[in-house]
Amino acid sequence: MAPNLAKSTLVLIHDMISSDELTTSQMAEAAGCSERAIIRIRSNLRLFGNVKAPPITAGQPRTITPIMLEDLCDHLFEKPDFYLYDIELLFLDEFDVSVPKSTISDALHRKGWSKKTARQKAKERNIDLRDDYCHLISEFCLYHLVQVDESGCDKRIGFRKTGWSPLGTTPV
C-alpha cells in the first residue's frame, strides 16, 4: 500500500485541479504521484468538498446519545454515589431505554468520568444542623439521655464507599 501524500502535495493537487489548466497526467507528473491518485482526489473534491474522504465509522450506533450522557452527568454531579443499577433505572424512567451496565460504564469512561472511593463529609460540619440539634437536645435532662458506643457498628450501612465523578475530582 502506497504511503499517504503529504499535506503540501495535497494542497498543490487541489490548486492544480481548481485551475483546470493541466491534464490528469501532467498533474500526476508535477505532484509526483499516480494518475489514479489525481482521479481519486478530484472525485473526493466533487463528492465531499475536500481532498480526503471522511472517515468511515464502524460498528453499531451508540445506545447512549450525547443528550442522555449529559443528563446522566448532571444527575451524577448531584448524587455521585449512584450504583449502576440505579443508573439503569434512571435511563428506563427518563428515556424508556434499557441500557446494560457495561454500556453505561463505558460511556462514562469515554466522557472522562471514573468510579473512585468517595470522601465522606460528616453531617456535623453543617452549622445549621448542629444548632438544630443543640436546640432539640436542650429540652432534655441529662438522665433522659442514653449513650451508645458505635465502635461495633457496621460502617457500610448508611453511605456508599464509591461514587462517580470527573477525572481529577473526588466524589463527596
N, C-alpha and C. Protein backbone atom coordinates (compact mmCIF):
# COMPACT_ATOMS: atom_id res chain seq x y z
N MET A 1 0.84 -1.18 0.00
CA MET A 1 0.00 0.00 0.00
C MET A 1 0.88 1.24 0.00
N ALA A 2 0.55 2.16 -0.86
CA ALA A 2 1.36 3.37 -1.01
C ALA A 2 1.17 4.28 0.20
N PRO A 3 2.21 5.04 0.57
CA PRO A 3 2.08 5.96 1.70
C PRO A 3 1.14 7.12 1.36
N ASN A 4 0.57 7.74 2.39
CA ASN A 4 -0.29 8.90 2.18
C ASN A 4 0.52 10.07 1.63
N LEU A 5 -0.13 10.88 0.82
CA LEU A 5 0.53 12.05 0.26
C LEU A 5 0.68 13.12 1.33
N ALA A 6 1.74 13.90 1.23
CA ALA A 6 1.98 14.99 2.19
C ALA A 6 0.92 16.08 2.01
N LYS A 7 0.67 16.84 3.08
CA LYS A 7 -0.33 17.92 3.01
C LYS A 7 0.02 18.94 1.94
N SER A 8 1.30 19.23 1.81
CA SER A 8 1.72 20.21 0.80
C SER A 8 1.41 19.70 -0.61
N THR A 9 1.58 18.39 -0.80
CA THR A 9 1.26 17.81 -2.10
C THR A 9 -0.24 17.86 -2.37
N LEU A 10 -1.03 17.58 -1.35
CA LEU A 10 -2.49 17.63 -1.50
C LEU A 10 -2.96 19.05 -1.83
N VAL A 11 -2.34 20.04 -1.18
CA VAL A 11 -2.68 21.44 -1.47
C VAL A 11 -2.31 21.78 -2.91
N LEU A 12 -1.14 21.31 -3.35
CA LEU A 12 -0.70 21.55 -4.73
C LEU A 12 -1.68 20.92 -5.73
N ILE A 13 -2.08 19.67 -5.47
CA ILE A 13 -3.03 18.98 -6.36
C ILE A 13 -4.37 19.71 -6.36
N HIS A 14 -4.82 20.14 -5.18
CA HIS A 14 -6.10 20.88 -5.09
C HIS A 14 -6.04 22.14 -5.95
N ASP A 15 -4.93 22.88 -5.85
CA ASP A 15 -4.78 24.11 -6.64
C ASP A 15 -4.75 23.82 -8.14
N MET A 16 -4.05 22.72 -8.52
CA MET A 16 -3.98 22.37 -9.95
C MET A 16 -5.35 21.96 -10.48
N ILE A 17 -6.13 21.21 -9.66
CA ILE A 17 -7.47 20.79 -10.09
C ILE A 17 -8.38 22.01 -10.19
N SER A 18 -8.27 22.94 -9.25
CA SER A 18 -9.09 24.16 -9.26
C SER A 18 -8.79 25.03 -10.47
N SER A 19 -7.51 25.10 -10.86
CA SER A 19 -7.15 25.95 -12.01
C SER A 19 -7.63 25.36 -13.33
N ASP A 20 -7.75 24.04 -13.40
CA ASP A 20 -8.27 23.33 -14.58
C ASP A 20 -7.46 23.66 -15.85
N GLU A 21 -6.14 23.82 -15.69
CA GLU A 21 -5.27 24.14 -16.82
C GLU A 21 -4.48 22.94 -17.31
N LEU A 22 -4.23 21.96 -16.40
CA LEU A 22 -3.40 20.80 -16.75
C LEU A 22 -4.25 19.55 -16.90
N THR A 23 -3.72 18.59 -17.65
CA THR A 23 -4.40 17.30 -17.77
C THR A 23 -4.05 16.45 -16.55
N THR A 24 -4.74 15.33 -16.39
CA THR A 24 -4.52 14.44 -15.25
C THR A 24 -3.09 13.93 -15.23
N SER A 25 -2.56 13.54 -16.38
CA SER A 25 -1.19 13.01 -16.42
C SER A 25 -0.16 14.10 -16.10
N GLN A 26 -0.40 15.33 -16.53
CA GLN A 26 0.52 16.44 -16.23
C GLN A 26 0.50 16.75 -14.73
N MET A 27 -0.70 16.72 -14.12
CA MET A 27 -0.80 16.96 -12.66
C MET A 27 -0.08 15.86 -11.89
N ALA A 28 -0.24 14.60 -12.32
CA ALA A 28 0.41 13.49 -11.63
C ALA A 28 1.92 13.61 -11.71
N GLU A 29 2.43 14.03 -12.85
CA GLU A 29 3.87 14.19 -13.03
C GLU A 29 4.39 15.35 -12.17
N ALA A 30 3.65 16.46 -12.13
CA ALA A 30 4.08 17.62 -11.35
C ALA A 30 4.04 17.33 -9.84
N ALA A 31 3.04 16.56 -9.38
CA ALA A 31 2.91 16.27 -7.95
C ALA A 31 3.73 15.07 -7.53
N GLY A 32 4.19 14.27 -8.48
CA GLY A 32 4.97 13.08 -8.13
C GLY A 32 4.11 11.96 -7.58
N CYS A 33 2.93 11.77 -8.15
CA CYS A 33 2.04 10.70 -7.72
C CYS A 33 1.42 10.05 -8.95
N SER A 34 0.55 9.08 -8.75
CA SER A 34 -0.08 8.37 -9.88
C SER A 34 -1.28 9.15 -10.40
N GLU A 35 -1.68 8.81 -11.63
CA GLU A 35 -2.87 9.42 -12.21
C GLU A 35 -4.10 9.01 -11.40
N ARG A 36 -4.08 7.78 -10.89
CA ARG A 36 -5.22 7.28 -10.09
C ARG A 36 -5.41 8.14 -8.84
N ALA A 37 -4.33 8.60 -8.25
CA ALA A 37 -4.43 9.47 -7.07
C ALA A 37 -5.10 10.79 -7.43
N ILE A 38 -4.75 11.34 -8.59
CA ILE A 38 -5.36 12.61 -9.03
C ILE A 38 -6.86 12.40 -9.27
N ILE A 39 -7.22 11.27 -9.90
CA ILE A 39 -8.64 10.97 -10.17
C ILE A 39 -9.40 10.82 -8.85
N ARG A 40 -8.79 10.12 -7.89
CA ARG A 40 -9.44 9.93 -6.58
C ARG A 40 -9.62 11.26 -5.85
N ILE A 41 -8.62 12.11 -5.87
CA ILE A 41 -8.69 13.41 -5.20
C ILE A 41 -9.74 14.30 -5.86
N ARG A 42 -9.79 14.26 -7.21
CA ARG A 42 -10.81 15.03 -7.93
C ARG A 42 -12.22 14.54 -7.54
N SER A 43 -12.37 13.23 -7.42
CA SER A 43 -13.67 12.65 -7.01
C SER A 43 -14.03 13.08 -5.59
N ASN A 44 -13.05 13.05 -4.67
CA ASN A 44 -13.30 13.47 -3.29
C ASN A 44 -13.71 14.95 -3.23
N LEU A 45 -13.06 15.77 -4.05
CA LEU A 45 -13.43 17.20 -4.08
C LEU A 45 -14.87 17.38 -4.57
N ARG A 46 -15.24 16.61 -5.58
CA ARG A 46 -16.59 16.74 -6.12
C ARG A 46 -17.64 16.22 -5.11
N LEU A 47 -17.36 15.07 -4.47
CA LEU A 47 -18.34 14.45 -3.58
C LEU A 47 -18.38 15.07 -2.19
N PHE A 48 -17.20 15.36 -1.62
CA PHE A 48 -17.14 15.77 -0.22
C PHE A 48 -16.66 17.20 -0.02
N GLY A 49 -16.15 17.86 -1.07
CA GLY A 49 -15.65 19.22 -0.94
C GLY A 49 -14.30 19.29 -0.28
N ASN A 50 -13.61 18.15 -0.18
CA ASN A 50 -12.30 18.09 0.46
C ASN A 50 -11.45 17.09 -0.30
N VAL A 51 -10.11 17.21 -0.19
CA VAL A 51 -9.24 16.28 -0.90
C VAL A 51 -9.26 14.89 -0.29
N LYS A 52 -9.66 14.78 0.97
CA LYS A 52 -9.76 13.49 1.64
C LYS A 52 -11.21 13.16 1.94
N ALA A 53 -11.57 11.90 1.77
CA ALA A 53 -12.92 11.45 2.10
C ALA A 53 -13.06 11.38 3.62
N PRO A 54 -14.27 11.60 4.15
CA PRO A 54 -14.44 11.50 5.61
C PRO A 54 -14.24 10.06 6.08
N PRO A 55 -13.78 9.86 7.31
CA PRO A 55 -13.55 8.51 7.81
C PRO A 55 -14.87 7.74 7.93
N ILE A 56 -14.79 6.45 7.74
CA ILE A 56 -15.96 5.58 7.86
C ILE A 56 -15.98 5.03 9.27
N THR A 57 -17.06 5.27 10.00
CA THR A 57 -17.18 4.74 11.35
C THR A 57 -17.72 3.32 11.28
N ALA A 58 -17.15 2.45 12.07
CA ALA A 58 -17.55 1.05 12.06
C ALA A 58 -18.39 0.74 13.28
N GLY A 59 -19.17 -0.31 13.19
CA GLY A 59 -19.93 -0.80 14.32
C GLY A 59 -21.31 -0.19 14.42
N GLN A 60 -22.00 -0.60 15.49
CA GLN A 60 -23.35 -0.12 15.73
C GLN A 60 -23.34 1.32 16.22
N PRO A 61 -24.43 2.06 15.98
CA PRO A 61 -24.51 3.39 16.56
C PRO A 61 -24.61 3.30 18.08
N ARG A 62 -24.16 4.30 18.76
CA ARG A 62 -24.15 4.28 20.22
C ARG A 62 -25.57 4.27 20.79
N THR A 63 -25.76 3.48 21.85
CA THR A 63 -27.06 3.38 22.51
C THR A 63 -27.34 4.63 23.32
N ILE A 64 -26.31 5.14 23.99
CA ILE A 64 -26.46 6.32 24.83
C ILE A 64 -26.10 7.55 23.98
N THR A 65 -27.08 8.39 23.72
CA THR A 65 -26.87 9.58 22.92
C THR A 65 -26.15 10.65 23.74
N PRO A 66 -25.56 11.66 23.10
CA PRO A 66 -24.88 12.71 23.87
C PRO A 66 -25.82 13.44 24.85
N ILE A 67 -27.10 13.60 24.48
CA ILE A 67 -28.06 14.25 25.37
C ILE A 67 -28.28 13.40 26.61
N MET A 68 -28.42 12.08 26.40
CA MET A 68 -28.60 11.18 27.54
C MET A 68 -27.38 11.21 28.46
N LEU A 69 -26.19 11.26 27.86
CA LEU A 69 -24.96 11.27 28.64
C LEU A 69 -24.82 12.56 29.45
N GLU A 70 -25.19 13.69 28.86
CA GLU A 70 -25.15 14.97 29.59
C GLU A 70 -26.12 14.94 30.77
N ASP A 71 -27.32 14.40 30.55
CA ASP A 71 -28.31 14.30 31.62
C ASP A 71 -27.80 13.40 32.74
N LEU A 72 -27.17 12.29 32.37
CA LEU A 72 -26.61 11.38 33.36
C LEU A 72 -25.51 12.07 34.17
N CYS A 73 -24.65 12.81 33.50
CA CYS A 73 -23.58 13.52 34.22
C CYS A 73 -24.14 14.57 35.18
N ASP A 74 -25.24 15.23 34.78
CA ASP A 74 -25.89 16.19 35.68
C ASP A 74 -26.42 15.48 36.93
N HIS A 75 -27.04 14.31 36.74
CA HIS A 75 -27.53 13.53 37.89
C HIS A 75 -26.38 13.11 38.80
N LEU A 76 -25.27 12.70 38.19
CA LEU A 76 -24.14 12.23 38.99
C LEU A 76 -23.43 13.37 39.72
N PHE A 77 -23.53 14.60 39.20
CA PHE A 77 -22.97 15.74 39.95
C PHE A 77 -23.75 15.93 41.25
N GLU A 78 -25.08 15.73 41.18
CA GLU A 78 -25.92 15.89 42.37
C GLU A 78 -25.77 14.71 43.33
N LYS A 79 -25.78 13.49 42.79
CA LYS A 79 -25.68 12.28 43.62
C LYS A 79 -24.60 11.38 43.05
N PRO A 80 -23.35 11.58 43.43
CA PRO A 80 -22.26 10.80 42.83
C PRO A 80 -22.25 9.33 43.27
N ASP A 81 -23.03 8.98 44.31
CA ASP A 81 -22.98 7.61 44.82
C ASP A 81 -24.02 6.69 44.17
N PHE A 82 -24.53 7.06 43.00
CA PHE A 82 -25.45 6.19 42.27
C PHE A 82 -24.73 4.89 41.91
N TYR A 83 -25.39 3.76 42.14
CA TYR A 83 -24.89 2.49 41.62
C TYR A 83 -25.33 2.36 40.18
N LEU A 84 -24.67 1.49 39.43
CA LEU A 84 -25.03 1.31 38.03
C LEU A 84 -26.47 0.80 37.91
N TYR A 85 -26.93 0.04 38.90
CA TYR A 85 -28.32 -0.43 38.89
C TYR A 85 -29.27 0.77 38.95
N ASP A 86 -28.95 1.76 39.79
CA ASP A 86 -29.78 2.97 39.89
C ASP A 86 -29.76 3.74 38.57
N ILE A 87 -28.61 3.77 37.92
CA ILE A 87 -28.49 4.49 36.66
C ILE A 87 -29.30 3.79 35.58
N GLU A 88 -29.30 2.43 35.60
CA GLU A 88 -30.12 1.68 34.65
C GLU A 88 -31.59 2.07 34.79
N LEU A 89 -32.06 2.15 36.03
CA LEU A 89 -33.46 2.53 36.27
C LEU A 89 -33.72 3.96 35.83
N LEU A 90 -32.75 4.84 36.00
CA LEU A 90 -32.87 6.23 35.56
C LEU A 90 -33.10 6.30 34.05
N PHE A 91 -32.31 5.53 33.29
CA PHE A 91 -32.49 5.51 31.84
C PHE A 91 -33.86 4.96 31.47
N LEU A 92 -34.30 3.94 32.19
CA LEU A 92 -35.60 3.34 31.89
C LEU A 92 -36.72 4.32 32.19
N ASP A 93 -36.61 5.08 33.29
CA ASP A 93 -37.65 6.04 33.66
C ASP A 93 -37.67 7.24 32.73
N GLU A 94 -36.52 7.83 32.47
CA GLU A 94 -36.47 9.09 31.73
C GLU A 94 -36.53 8.93 30.22
N PHE A 95 -35.86 7.88 29.69
CA PHE A 95 -35.74 7.76 28.24
C PHE A 95 -36.43 6.53 27.67
N ASP A 96 -37.03 5.70 28.51
CA ASP A 96 -37.67 4.45 28.09
C ASP A 96 -36.71 3.57 27.30
N VAL A 97 -35.47 3.50 27.74
CA VAL A 97 -34.44 2.70 27.07
C VAL A 97 -33.80 1.80 28.11
N SER A 98 -33.66 0.52 27.78
CA SER A 98 -32.95 -0.40 28.65
C SER A 98 -31.49 -0.44 28.20
N VAL A 99 -30.59 0.00 29.07
CA VAL A 99 -29.17 0.09 28.73
C VAL A 99 -28.39 -0.80 29.69
N PRO A 100 -27.54 -1.69 29.15
CA PRO A 100 -26.73 -2.54 30.03
C PRO A 100 -25.75 -1.74 30.87
N LYS A 101 -25.37 -2.28 32.02
CA LYS A 101 -24.45 -1.60 32.93
C LYS A 101 -23.10 -1.34 32.27
N SER A 102 -22.63 -2.29 31.48
CA SER A 102 -21.32 -2.12 30.84
C SER A 102 -21.33 -0.96 29.85
N THR A 103 -22.46 -0.76 29.16
CA THR A 103 -22.57 0.35 28.21
C THR A 103 -22.54 1.68 28.95
N ILE A 104 -23.21 1.75 30.08
CA ILE A 104 -23.23 2.97 30.89
C ILE A 104 -21.82 3.28 31.39
N SER A 105 -21.15 2.26 31.91
CA SER A 105 -19.80 2.43 32.42
C SER A 105 -18.84 2.88 31.30
N ASP A 106 -18.95 2.26 30.13
CA ASP A 106 -18.08 2.63 29.00
C ASP A 106 -18.33 4.07 28.57
N ALA A 107 -19.60 4.48 28.53
CA ALA A 107 -19.94 5.84 28.12
C ALA A 107 -19.37 6.86 29.11
N LEU A 108 -19.46 6.56 30.40
CA LEU A 108 -18.92 7.47 31.41
C LEU A 108 -17.39 7.54 31.31
N HIS A 109 -16.75 6.42 31.03
CA HIS A 109 -15.29 6.44 30.87
C HIS A 109 -14.88 7.25 29.65
N ARG A 110 -15.63 7.13 28.55
CA ARG A 110 -15.33 7.93 27.35
C ARG A 110 -15.51 9.42 27.63
N LYS A 111 -16.45 9.76 28.50
CA LYS A 111 -16.73 11.16 28.84
C LYS A 111 -15.68 11.71 29.80
N GLY A 112 -14.84 10.83 30.37
CA GLY A 112 -13.80 11.30 31.29
C GLY A 112 -14.23 11.19 32.74
N TRP A 113 -15.15 10.29 33.04
CA TRP A 113 -15.59 10.04 34.41
C TRP A 113 -15.03 8.71 34.87
N SER A 114 -14.84 8.57 36.17
CA SER A 114 -14.39 7.29 36.71
C SER A 114 -15.07 7.06 38.06
N LYS A 115 -15.07 5.80 38.45
CA LYS A 115 -15.64 5.43 39.74
C LYS A 115 -14.49 5.32 40.72
N LYS A 116 -14.58 6.05 41.81
CA LYS A 116 -13.48 6.07 42.77
C LYS A 116 -14.04 6.13 44.18
N THR A 117 -13.17 5.97 45.14
CA THR A 117 -13.57 6.00 46.54
C THR A 117 -14.06 7.39 46.90
N ALA A 118 -15.24 7.43 47.52
CA ALA A 118 -15.85 8.70 47.88
C ALA A 118 -15.27 9.22 49.19
N ARG A 119 -15.19 10.53 49.30
CA ARG A 119 -14.75 11.18 50.53
C ARG A 119 -16.00 11.46 51.35
N GLN A 120 -16.02 10.99 52.57
CA GLN A 120 -17.19 11.18 53.43
C GLN A 120 -17.10 12.53 54.13
N LYS A 121 -18.18 13.26 54.06
CA LYS A 121 -18.25 14.56 54.71
C LYS A 121 -19.23 14.43 55.88
N ALA A 122 -18.77 14.66 57.08
CA ALA A 122 -19.60 14.48 58.26
C ALA A 122 -20.73 15.51 58.29
N LYS A 123 -21.93 15.05 58.66
CA LYS A 123 -23.08 15.95 58.75
C LYS A 123 -22.89 16.98 59.87
N GLU A 124 -22.07 16.62 60.86
CA GLU A 124 -21.84 17.51 61.99
C GLU A 124 -21.11 18.78 61.60
N ARG A 125 -20.52 18.82 60.41
CA ARG A 125 -19.81 20.01 59.96
C ARG A 125 -20.77 21.12 59.56
N ASN A 126 -22.04 20.77 59.34
CA ASN A 126 -23.04 21.75 58.94
C ASN A 126 -23.47 22.53 60.19
N ILE A 127 -23.27 23.84 60.21
CA ILE A 127 -23.56 24.67 61.38
C ILE A 127 -25.05 24.69 61.70
N ASP A 128 -25.89 24.75 60.68
CA ASP A 128 -27.34 24.78 60.91
C ASP A 128 -27.82 23.49 61.55
N LEU A 129 -27.32 22.34 61.09
CA LEU A 129 -27.71 21.07 61.70
C LEU A 129 -27.25 20.98 63.15
N ARG A 130 -26.04 21.49 63.42
CA ARG A 130 -25.55 21.48 64.81
C ARG A 130 -26.41 22.35 65.71
N ASP A 131 -26.80 23.52 65.22
CA ASP A 131 -27.65 24.41 66.01
C ASP A 131 -29.02 23.80 66.27
N ASP A 132 -29.59 23.17 65.23
CA ASP A 132 -30.89 22.49 65.40
C ASP A 132 -30.79 21.39 66.44
N TYR A 133 -29.69 20.63 66.41
CA TYR A 133 -29.52 19.54 67.36
C TYR A 133 -29.36 20.09 68.79
N CYS A 134 -28.59 21.13 68.95
CA CYS A 134 -28.42 21.73 70.29
C CYS A 134 -29.75 22.25 70.82
N HIS A 135 -30.55 22.86 69.96
CA HIS A 135 -31.86 23.34 70.37
C HIS A 135 -32.77 22.18 70.77
N LEU A 136 -32.73 21.10 69.99
CA LEU A 136 -33.57 19.94 70.27
C LEU A 136 -33.18 19.26 71.58
N ILE A 137 -31.89 19.12 71.81
CA ILE A 137 -31.42 18.38 72.99
C ILE A 137 -31.50 19.23 74.27
N SER A 138 -31.62 20.54 74.13
CA SER A 138 -31.69 21.40 75.31
C SER A 138 -32.96 21.16 76.13
N GLU A 139 -33.98 20.56 75.52
CA GLU A 139 -35.23 20.28 76.24
C GLU A 139 -35.11 19.10 77.19
N PHE A 140 -34.07 18.27 77.03
CA PHE A 140 -33.93 17.05 77.83
C PHE A 140 -32.95 17.26 78.98
N CYS A 141 -33.19 16.51 80.06
CA CYS A 141 -32.25 16.49 81.18
C CYS A 141 -31.21 15.41 80.92
N LEU A 142 -30.14 15.44 81.69
CA LEU A 142 -29.05 14.50 81.48
C LEU A 142 -29.50 13.06 81.70
N TYR A 143 -30.40 12.81 82.65
CA TYR A 143 -30.82 11.44 82.92
C TYR A 143 -31.81 10.91 81.87
N HIS A 144 -32.27 11.77 80.94
CA HIS A 144 -33.12 11.31 79.83
C HIS A 144 -32.30 10.72 78.67
N LEU A 145 -31.02 10.99 78.64
CA LEU A 145 -30.19 10.60 77.51
C LEU A 145 -29.53 9.25 77.73
N VAL A 146 -29.39 8.48 76.64
CA VAL A 146 -28.70 7.19 76.67
C VAL A 146 -27.53 7.28 75.69
N GLN A 147 -26.36 6.89 76.14
CA GLN A 147 -25.17 6.94 75.30
C GLN A 147 -24.95 5.57 74.67
N VAL A 148 -24.62 5.54 73.36
CA VAL A 148 -24.41 4.28 72.64
C VAL A 148 -22.99 4.29 72.05
N ASP A 149 -22.29 3.18 72.25
CA ASP A 149 -20.96 3.03 71.67
C ASP A 149 -21.12 2.52 70.24
N GLU A 150 -20.63 3.29 69.26
CA GLU A 150 -20.80 2.94 67.84
C GLU A 150 -19.62 2.15 67.29
N SER A 151 -18.66 1.79 68.09
CA SER A 151 -17.45 1.15 67.57
C SER A 151 -17.73 -0.21 66.95
N GLY A 152 -18.79 -0.88 67.36
CA GLY A 152 -19.12 -2.20 66.82
C GLY A 152 -20.09 -2.14 65.66
N CYS A 153 -20.44 -0.95 65.21
CA CYS A 153 -21.42 -0.81 64.13
C CYS A 153 -20.80 -1.15 62.78
N ASP A 154 -21.65 -1.60 61.88
CA ASP A 154 -21.21 -1.86 60.52
C ASP A 154 -21.12 -0.54 59.78
N LYS A 155 -19.93 -0.16 59.39
CA LYS A 155 -19.72 1.16 58.77
C LYS A 155 -20.27 1.25 57.36
N ARG A 156 -20.58 0.12 56.72
CA ARG A 156 -21.07 0.16 55.34
C ARG A 156 -22.51 0.64 55.26
N ILE A 157 -23.25 0.52 56.33
CA ILE A 157 -24.65 0.91 56.30
C ILE A 157 -24.74 2.43 56.39
N GLY A 158 -25.57 3.02 55.54
CA GLY A 158 -25.79 4.46 55.61
C GLY A 158 -25.11 5.25 54.53
N PHE A 159 -23.99 4.79 54.02
CA PHE A 159 -23.33 5.51 52.93
C PHE A 159 -22.62 4.52 52.03
N ARG A 160 -22.36 4.95 50.84
CA ARG A 160 -21.67 4.11 49.87
C ARG A 160 -20.23 4.57 49.77
N LYS A 161 -19.33 3.60 49.62
CA LYS A 161 -17.91 3.91 49.65
C LYS A 161 -17.38 4.46 48.33
N THR A 162 -18.09 4.20 47.22
CA THR A 162 -17.60 4.65 45.92
C THR A 162 -18.62 5.57 45.27
N GLY A 163 -18.14 6.36 44.32
CA GLY A 163 -19.01 7.27 43.59
C GLY A 163 -18.39 7.65 42.26
N TRP A 164 -19.21 8.14 41.34
CA TRP A 164 -18.76 8.57 40.02
C TRP A 164 -18.44 10.06 40.06
N SER A 165 -17.35 10.44 39.42
CA SER A 165 -17.02 11.86 39.29
C SER A 165 -16.06 12.04 38.12
N PRO A 166 -15.96 13.27 37.60
CA PRO A 166 -15.00 13.51 36.51
C PRO A 166 -13.57 13.26 36.98
N LEU A 167 -12.70 12.93 36.04
CA LEU A 167 -11.31 12.71 36.39
C LEU A 167 -10.72 13.95 37.03
N GLY A 168 -9.99 13.75 38.10
CA GLY A 168 -9.34 14.88 38.79
C GLY A 168 -10.13 15.42 39.96
N THR A 169 -11.37 14.95 40.17
CA THR A 169 -12.16 15.39 41.31
C THR A 169 -12.59 14.17 42.12
N THR A 170 -12.82 14.39 43.40
CA THR A 170 -13.24 13.32 44.29
C THR A 170 -14.72 13.45 44.60
N PRO A 171 -15.49 12.36 44.49
CA PRO A 171 -16.91 12.45 44.87
C PRO A 171 -17.03 12.63 46.38
N VAL A 172 -17.95 13.50 46.80
CA VAL A 172 -18.16 13.76 48.23
C VAL A 172 -19.52 13.23 48.62
